[in-house]
Amino acid sequence: MVISEVSGQFHKYGGTVITSKEDFSDAKIYFLIDVKSIDADDEKRYEHLQLADFFDVAKCPKITFKSKSMKKVGKNLYKLTGDYTMHCITKEIILDVKYCGTVKDPYGNIKAGFNITGVINRTDFGLKYNSVMDTGGMLIGEEVTITSKVELIKLKN
């Protein structure tokens, strides 16, 4: 109701990151999300999110992100620019990335961690559904905050 935030998460997703530089500045990134796997902690909300006035899962079942650049802007901080497709509409977005470090786990795998955040306007992607409350205000805000915690595993040659 625009006075508090509603959280949701996707349970089915995948991606690839290809980089040859230790600082990840040449990273080529691709992510894919199965929209039907959204969990907003409410069955009626889940059902509504599947319909044409929201995600329209029947026509647009995936959210994708394909990077264009990853530019270092500070110590362990980057701006990640790429094409984001949601609701069958593609727009360029910029995300903030914090590199959290690289470690070797107890099994000998090399892992790198990142926190990725950004804000998009859902109406830019055709998600225009809303409802006017009795007080005259809108039920749903336009800004959506994207938060992703990513752990990469280096493939062994």
Protein backbone atom coordinates (compact mmCIF):
# COMPACT_ATOMS: atom_id res chain seq x y z
CA MET A 1 0.00 0.00 0.00
CA VAL A 2 3.01 2.18 -0.74
CA ILE A 3 3.59 2.64 3.01
CA SER A 4 5.60 -0.54 3.46
CA GLU A 5 7.57 -2.92 1.30
CA VAL A 6 6.55 -6.38 0.15
CA SER A 7 9.38 -8.83 -0.39
CA GLY A 8 9.53 -11.67 -2.83
CA GLN A 9 12.14 -14.00 -4.18
CA PHE A 10 12.64 -16.33 -7.08
CA HIS A 11 13.58 -19.95 -6.37
CA LYS A 12 14.60 -21.08 -9.89
CA TYR A 13 17.41 -19.21 -11.59
CA GLY A 14 20.81 -19.71 -13.14
CA GLY A 15 23.59 -17.87 -14.81
CA THR A 16 27.11 -17.75 -16.10
CA VAL A 17 30.00 -15.38 -15.56
CA ILE A 18 33.06 -15.49 -17.75
CA THR A 19 36.11 -13.43 -16.78
CA SER A 20 39.84 -13.60 -17.31
CA LYS A 21 40.81 -10.76 -14.98
CA GLU A 22 41.27 -11.14 -11.24
CA ASP A 23 39.32 -7.91 -10.64
CA PHE A 24 36.32 -9.10 -12.75
CA SER A 25 36.38 -5.88 -14.81
CA ASP A 26 36.02 -7.84 -18.08
CA ALA A 27 33.21 -10.06 -16.76
CA LYS A 28 30.57 -11.22 -19.23
CA ILE A 29 27.47 -11.99 -17.20
CA TYR A 30 24.21 -13.69 -18.09
CA PHE A 31 21.38 -14.56 -15.69
CA LEU A 32 18.02 -16.20 -16.27
CA ILE A 33 15.11 -16.36 -13.81
CA ASP A 34 12.04 -18.58 -14.03
CA VAL A 35 9.29 -16.06 -13.24
CA LYS A 36 6.84 -18.76 -12.18
CA SER A 37 9.15 -19.57 -9.26
CA ILE A 38 8.35 -16.28 -7.51
CA ASP A 39 7.48 -16.54 -3.83
CA ALA A 40 5.77 -13.48 -2.32
CA ASP A 41 4.57 -15.36 0.80
CA ASP A 42 0.89 -15.12 -0.17
CA GLU A 43 -0.96 -17.60 -2.41
CA LYS A 44 -3.44 -15.05 -3.82
CA ARG A 45 -0.60 -12.61 -4.57
CA TYR A 46 1.33 -15.46 -6.25
CA GLU A 47 -1.66 -16.27 -8.46
CA HIS A 48 -2.15 -12.60 -9.40
CA LEU A 49 1.54 -12.13 -10.24
CA GLN A 50 1.24 -14.92 -12.84
CA LEU A 51 -1.53 -13.14 -14.78
CA ALA A 52 -1.28 -10.81 -17.79
CA ASP A 53 -1.58 -7.60 -15.77
CA PHE A 54 1.61 -8.49 -13.90
CA PHE A 55 4.33 -10.87 -15.14
CA ASP A 56 2.15 -12.61 -17.77
CA VAL A 57 3.95 -15.90 -17.24
CA ALA A 58 2.12 -17.55 -20.15
CA LYS A 59 3.75 -15.11 -22.64
CA CYS A 60 6.87 -13.98 -20.75
CA PRO A 61 8.09 -16.83 -18.53
CA LYS A 62 11.67 -15.60 -18.03
CA ILE A 63 13.55 -12.59 -16.69
CA THR A 64 17.03 -12.22 -18.16
CA PHE A 65 20.06 -10.02 -17.68
CA LYS A 66 22.96 -9.79 -20.14
CA SER A 67 25.87 -7.56 -19.19
CA LYS A 68 27.41 -4.90 -21.40
CA SER A 69 30.10 -3.69 -18.99
CA MET A 70 31.37 -3.98 -15.44
CA LYS A 71 33.30 -0.87 -14.49
CA LYS A 72 35.30 -0.50 -11.31
CA VAL A 73 34.24 2.67 -9.46
CA GLY A 74 36.01 2.20 -6.13
CA LYS A 75 37.67 -0.35 -3.90
CA ASN A 76 35.63 -3.51 -4.46
CA LEU A 77 32.80 -1.48 -6.02
CA TYR A 78 31.50 -1.71 -9.59
CA LYS A 79 28.75 -0.42 -11.85
CA LEU A 80 27.25 -3.29 -13.84
CA THR A 81 25.43 -2.20 -17.00
CA GLY A 82 23.33 -4.59 -19.04
CA ASP A 83 20.12 -5.43 -20.82
CA TYR A 84 17.37 -6.51 -18.42
CA THR A 85 14.33 -8.22 -19.90
CA MET A 86 11.15 -8.55 -17.87
CA HIS A 87 7.57 -8.90 -19.07
CA CYS A 88 8.99 -9.30 -22.61
CA ILE A 89 10.42 -5.75 -22.52
CA THR A 90 14.18 -5.11 -22.60
CA LYS A 91 15.77 -1.99 -21.12
CA GLU A 92 19.31 -1.12 -20.15
CA ILE A 93 19.81 -0.91 -16.39
CA ILE A 94 22.76 -0.16 -14.12
CA LEU A 95 23.32 -2.16 -10.95
CA ASP A 96 25.66 -1.54 -8.03
CA VAL A 97 28.05 -4.41 -7.30
CA LYS A 98 30.13 -4.96 -4.19
CA TYR A 99 32.88 -7.57 -4.49
CA CYS A 100 33.07 -9.34 -1.13
CA GLY A 101 36.23 -11.36 -1.76
CA THR A 102 37.56 -14.66 -3.05
CA VAL A 103 38.32 -17.73 -0.91
CA LYS A 104 39.22 -21.37 -1.25
CA ASP A 105 36.56 -23.52 0.41
CA PRO A 106 37.28 -26.71 2.41
CA TYR A 107 36.77 -28.80 -0.76
CA GLY A 108 39.40 -26.93 -2.77
CA ASN A 109 36.93 -24.83 -4.80
CA ILE A 110 37.72 -21.18 -5.48
CA LYS A 111 34.68 -18.98 -4.75
CA ALA A 112 34.00 -15.28 -5.15
CA GLY A 113 31.14 -13.43 -3.49
CA PHE A 114 29.19 -10.37 -4.64
CA ASN A 115 26.26 -8.29 -3.45
CA ILE A 116 24.27 -6.74 -6.30
CA THR A 117 21.62 -4.06 -5.84
CA GLY A 118 19.61 -1.70 -7.98
CA VAL A 119 16.23 -0.05 -8.44
CA ILE A 120 13.98 -0.29 -11.47
CA ASN A 121 10.61 1.25 -12.25
CA ARG A 122 8.21 -1.64 -12.89
CA THR A 123 6.05 0.46 -15.23
CA ASP A 124 9.04 0.83 -17.60
CA PHE A 125 8.63 -2.91 -18.18
CA GLY A 126 4.88 -2.82 -18.79
CA LEU A 127 3.90 -3.81 -15.24
CA LYS A 128 1.30 -1.08 -14.93
CA TYR A 129 -1.40 -2.76 -12.80
CA ASN A 130 -2.43 -0.72 -9.80
CA SER A 131 -5.47 0.00 -7.71
CA VAL A 132 -6.68 3.21 -6.07
CA MET A 133 -7.31 2.95 -2.34
CA ASP A 134 -10.27 4.58 -0.58
CA THR A 135 -7.94 7.38 0.56
CA GLY A 136 -7.08 8.17 -3.07
CA GLY A 137 -3.53 6.82 -2.96
CA MET A 138 -2.18 4.02 -5.10
CA LEU A 139 -1.94 0.48 -3.75
CA ILE A 140 1.38 -0.44 -5.39
CA GLY A 141 4.52 1.66 -5.73
CA GLU A 142 6.42 1.84 -9.01
CA GLU A 143 9.96 1.31 -7.69
CA VAL A 144 11.26 -2.22 -7.27
CA THR A 145 14.52 -2.87 -5.46
CA ILE A 146 16.63 -5.71 -6.82
CA THR A 147 18.89 -7.45 -4.32
CA SER A 148 21.03 -10.43 -5.20
CA LYS A 149 23.74 -12.19 -3.26
CA VAL A 150 25.90 -14.15 -5.68
CA GLU A 151 28.57 -16.76 -5.03
CA LEU A 152 30.60 -17.87 -8.04
CA ILE A 153 32.61 -21.06 -8.26
CA LYS A 154 35.67 -21.07 -10.49
CA LEU A 155 35.56 -23.98 -12.90
CA LYS A 156 38.60 -26.21 -12.86
CA ASN A 157 40.46 -26.52 -16.15
